[in-house]
Protein backbone atom coordinates (compact mmCIF):
# COMPACT_ATOMS: atom_id res chain seq x y z
CA UNK A 1 20.15 -5.98 11.12
CA UNK A 2 22.53 -3.36 10.75
CA UNK A 3 22.21 0.35 10.25
CA UNK A 4 23.41 -0.05 6.64
CA UNK A 5 21.03 -2.42 5.71
CA UNK A 6 17.67 -0.58 7.38
CA UNK A 7 15.63 1.61 5.53
CA UNK A 8 12.47 4.03 6.48
CA UNK A 9 10.32 6.07 4.85
CA UNK A 10 7.35 8.31 5.73
CA UNK A 11 3.88 8.08 5.17
CA UNK A 12 1.81 11.11 5.13
CA UNK A 13 -1.67 12.12 4.49
CA UNK A 14 -4.23 15.12 4.80
CA UNK A 15 -7.70 15.27 4.85
CA UNK A 16 -10.18 17.99 4.66
CA UNK A 17 -13.48 17.15 5.11
CA UNK A 18 -16.40 19.96 4.41
CA UNK A 19 -20.13 19.57 6.21
CA UNK A 20 -22.88 19.72 3.00
CA UNK A 21 -26.21 18.43 3.67
CA UNK A 22 -27.71 17.20 6.98
CA UNK A 23 -24.94 14.92 7.87
CA UNK A 24 -23.05 14.53 4.63
CA UNK A 25 -19.16 15.25 4.54
CA UNK A 26 -17.59 15.63 1.57
CA UNK A 27 -13.64 15.00 1.63
CA UNK A 28 -10.46 15.40 -0.44
CA UNK A 29 -7.85 13.03 1.00
CA UNK A 30 -4.08 13.91 0.05
CA UNK A 31 -1.26 11.50 0.23
CA UNK A 32 1.32 13.33 0.47
CA UNK A 33 4.82 11.18 0.82
CA UNK A 34 6.03 9.49 -0.33
CA UNK A 35 3.34 9.49 -3.80
CA UNK A 36 1.51 12.51 -4.41
CA UNK A 37 -2.09 11.77 -5.29
CA UNK A 38 -5.80 12.72 -3.83
CA UNK A 39 -9.36 11.43 -3.74
CA UNK A 40 -12.53 12.63 -3.58
CA UNK A 41 -14.90 10.81 -0.92
CA UNK A 42 -17.68 11.56 0.64
CA UNK A 43 -19.84 10.16 3.72
CA UNK A 44 -23.13 10.04 5.46
CA UNK A 45 -25.05 9.44 8.25
CA UNK A 46 -28.20 7.04 8.08
CA UNK A 47 -31.55 8.35 9.51
CA UNK A 48 -30.58 7.18 13.12
CA UNK A 49 -28.15 10.04 13.02
CA UNK A 50 -29.88 12.49 11.08
CA UNK A 51 -28.25 11.79 7.51
CA UNK A 52 -29.83 10.75 4.13
CA UNK A 53 -27.53 7.85 3.71
CA UNK A 54 -26.25 9.14 0.53
CA UNK A 55 -22.77 7.71 1.02
CA UNK A 56 -21.28 5.01 3.02
CA UNK A 57 -20.79 5.90 6.88
CA UNK A 58 -17.60 6.77 8.13
CA UNK A 59 -17.21 3.50 9.74
CA UNK A 60 -17.86 1.96 6.42
CA UNK A 61 -14.65 3.60 5.35
CA UNK A 62 -12.57 2.70 8.48
CA UNK A 63 -13.24 -0.77 8.08
CA UNK A 64 -12.75 -1.07 4.19
CA UNK A 65 -9.47 0.34 5.24
CA UNK A 66 -8.62 -1.85 7.72
CA UNK A 67 -9.07 -5.00 5.75
CA UNK A 68 -7.82 -3.94 2.31
CA UNK A 69 -5.04 -2.73 4.07
CA UNK A 70 -3.99 -6.28 5.64
CA UNK A 71 -4.98 -7.88 2.58
CA UNK A 72 -2.81 -5.35 0.57
CA UNK A 73 0.15 -6.42 2.73
CA UNK A 74 -0.54 -9.97 2.50
CA UNK A 75 -0.39 -10.04 -1.45
CA UNK A 76 2.89 -7.44 -1.07
CA UNK A 77 4.58 -9.24 1.32
CA UNK A 78 3.86 -12.82 0.01
CA UNK A 79 5.68 -11.69 -3.19
CA UNK A 80 8.71 -10.50 -1.24
CA UNK A 81 8.92 -13.68 1.18
CA UNK A 82 8.68 -15.50 -1.84
CA UNK A 83 5.30 -17.30 -0.78
CA UNK A 84 2.58 -18.23 -3.06
CA UNK A 85 -0.79 -16.92 -2.00
CA UNK A 86 -3.82 -17.64 -3.87
CA UNK A 87 -7.56 -16.87 -3.70
CA UNK A 88 -7.11 -14.41 -0.55
CA UNK A 89 -10.01 -13.53 1.89
CA UNK A 90 -9.90 -11.37 4.87
CA UNK A 91 -12.79 -11.11 6.72
CA UNK A 92 -12.87 -7.91 9.53
CA UNK A 93 -15.29 -8.22 12.48
CA UNK A 94 -15.71 -5.08 15.00
CA UNK A 95 -17.77 -3.85 17.79
CA UNK A 96 -17.98 -0.93 19.94
CA UNK A 97 -20.02 0.45 22.69
CA UNK A 98 -22.03 3.28 22.94
CA UNK A 99 -23.03 4.74 26.24
CA UNK A 100 -25.16 7.59 27.21
CA UNK A 101 -25.65 9.27 30.21
CA UNK A 102 -28.57 11.54 30.45
CA UNK A 103 -28.58 13.76 27.73
CA UNK A 104 -25.10 13.68 27.09
CA UNK A 105 -23.81 12.78 23.88
CA UNK A 106 -23.03 9.35 23.87
CA UNK A 107 -19.65 7.84 24.55
CA UNK A 108 -17.75 5.67 21.87
CA UNK A 109 -15.49 2.78 23.18
CA UNK A 110 -14.04 -0.15 21.34
CA UNK A 111 -14.95 -3.93 21.95
CA UNK A 112 -12.50 -5.53 19.52
CA UNK A 113 -11.35 -6.52 16.15
CA UNK A 114 -11.49 -9.69 14.59
CA UNK A 115 -9.67 -10.63 11.89
CA UNK A 116 -10.48 -14.21 9.77
CA UNK A 117 -7.68 -14.35 7.13
CA UNK A 118 -8.29 -17.67 4.31
CA UNK A 119 -5.98 -18.26 1.42
CA UNK A 120 -4.19 -21.44 -0.67
CA UNK A 121 -0.89 -21.36 -0.66
CA UNK A 122 1.40 -24.42 -0.81
CA UNK A 123 3.61 -22.70 1.88
CA UNK A 124 3.78 -24.42 5.16
CA UNK A 125 1.24 -23.23 8.08
CA UNK A 126 4.87 -21.78 9.69
CA UNK A 127 5.78 -19.66 6.60
CA UNK A 128 1.64 -18.75 6.16
CA UNK A 129 1.41 -17.48 9.99
CA UNK A 130 4.97 -15.86 9.51
CA UNK A 131 3.49 -14.26 6.58
CA UNK A 132 0.50 -13.12 8.56
CA UNK A 133 2.86 -11.74 11.23
CA UNK A 134 4.76 -9.53 8.74
CA UNK A 135 1.45 -8.79 7.09
CA UNK A 136 0.06 -7.13 10.37
CA UNK A 137 3.26 -5.43 11.20
CA UNK A 138 3.19 -3.92 7.60
CA UNK A 139 -0.16 -2.47 8.13
CA UNK A 140 -0.25 1.30 8.73
CA UNK A 141 -4.20 1.58 9.67
CA UNK A 142 -3.55 -1.72 11.65
CA UNK A 143 -0.37 0.07 13.58
CA UNK A 144 -2.87 3.00 14.74
CA UNK A 145 -5.37 0.78 16.27
CA UNK A 146 -2.58 -1.45 17.87
CA UNK A 147 -0.61 0.85 19.17
CA UNK A 148 -1.63 4.11 21.53
CA UNK A 149 -1.37 7.01 19.15
CA UNK A 150 -2.63 10.64 20.80
CA UNK A 151 -4.56 12.27 18.02
CA UNK A 152 -4.35 15.92 18.99
CA UNK A 153 -7.45 18.10 17.92
CA UNK A 154 -7.28 21.75 17.82
CA UNK A 155 -10.24 24.63 17.53
CA UNK A 156 -9.38 27.62 15.10
CA UNK A 157 -10.58 31.03 16.72
CA UNK A 158 -10.17 34.97 15.83
CA UNK A 159 -7.25 34.64 17.93
CA UNK A 160 -5.55 31.04 15.96
CA UNK A 161 -5.23 27.71 16.65
CA UNK A 162 -6.22 26.61 20.59
CA UNK A 163 -5.64 23.14 21.16
CA UNK A 164 -8.88 21.39 22.73
């Protein structure tokens, strides 16, 4: 593709989580670019982690985000690619394993993610597969999972921010 035809945009989000209750977190999520919107959300853990179960667990938000992101891209890109998509359903299955050594906190490791996609369409199987590939490449959440992404952590101290 020529540079004249190539376009790009940046998507920027911020989230501040505040500890309330035993394990409940209340978050404000800000969409900064290319739009400006905010949402108030909450998460809580079940009794297993010492919470009260007053809101979805954090992994529920991840699963909902990953699944709905692919669904959104399927429908948006179907329009761009002029493919009919009817009655779309995406089922996401993800597994992790937690390992505990002695009295140390457990360490989580992903085991895998499977996305089962079904929809009615008059498009050929080749075109439906092309659509799914485009949706996979266009899903920001799947990109974070698919490509190694460094997550920086910092601690605020009396002397300022330090990398952890």
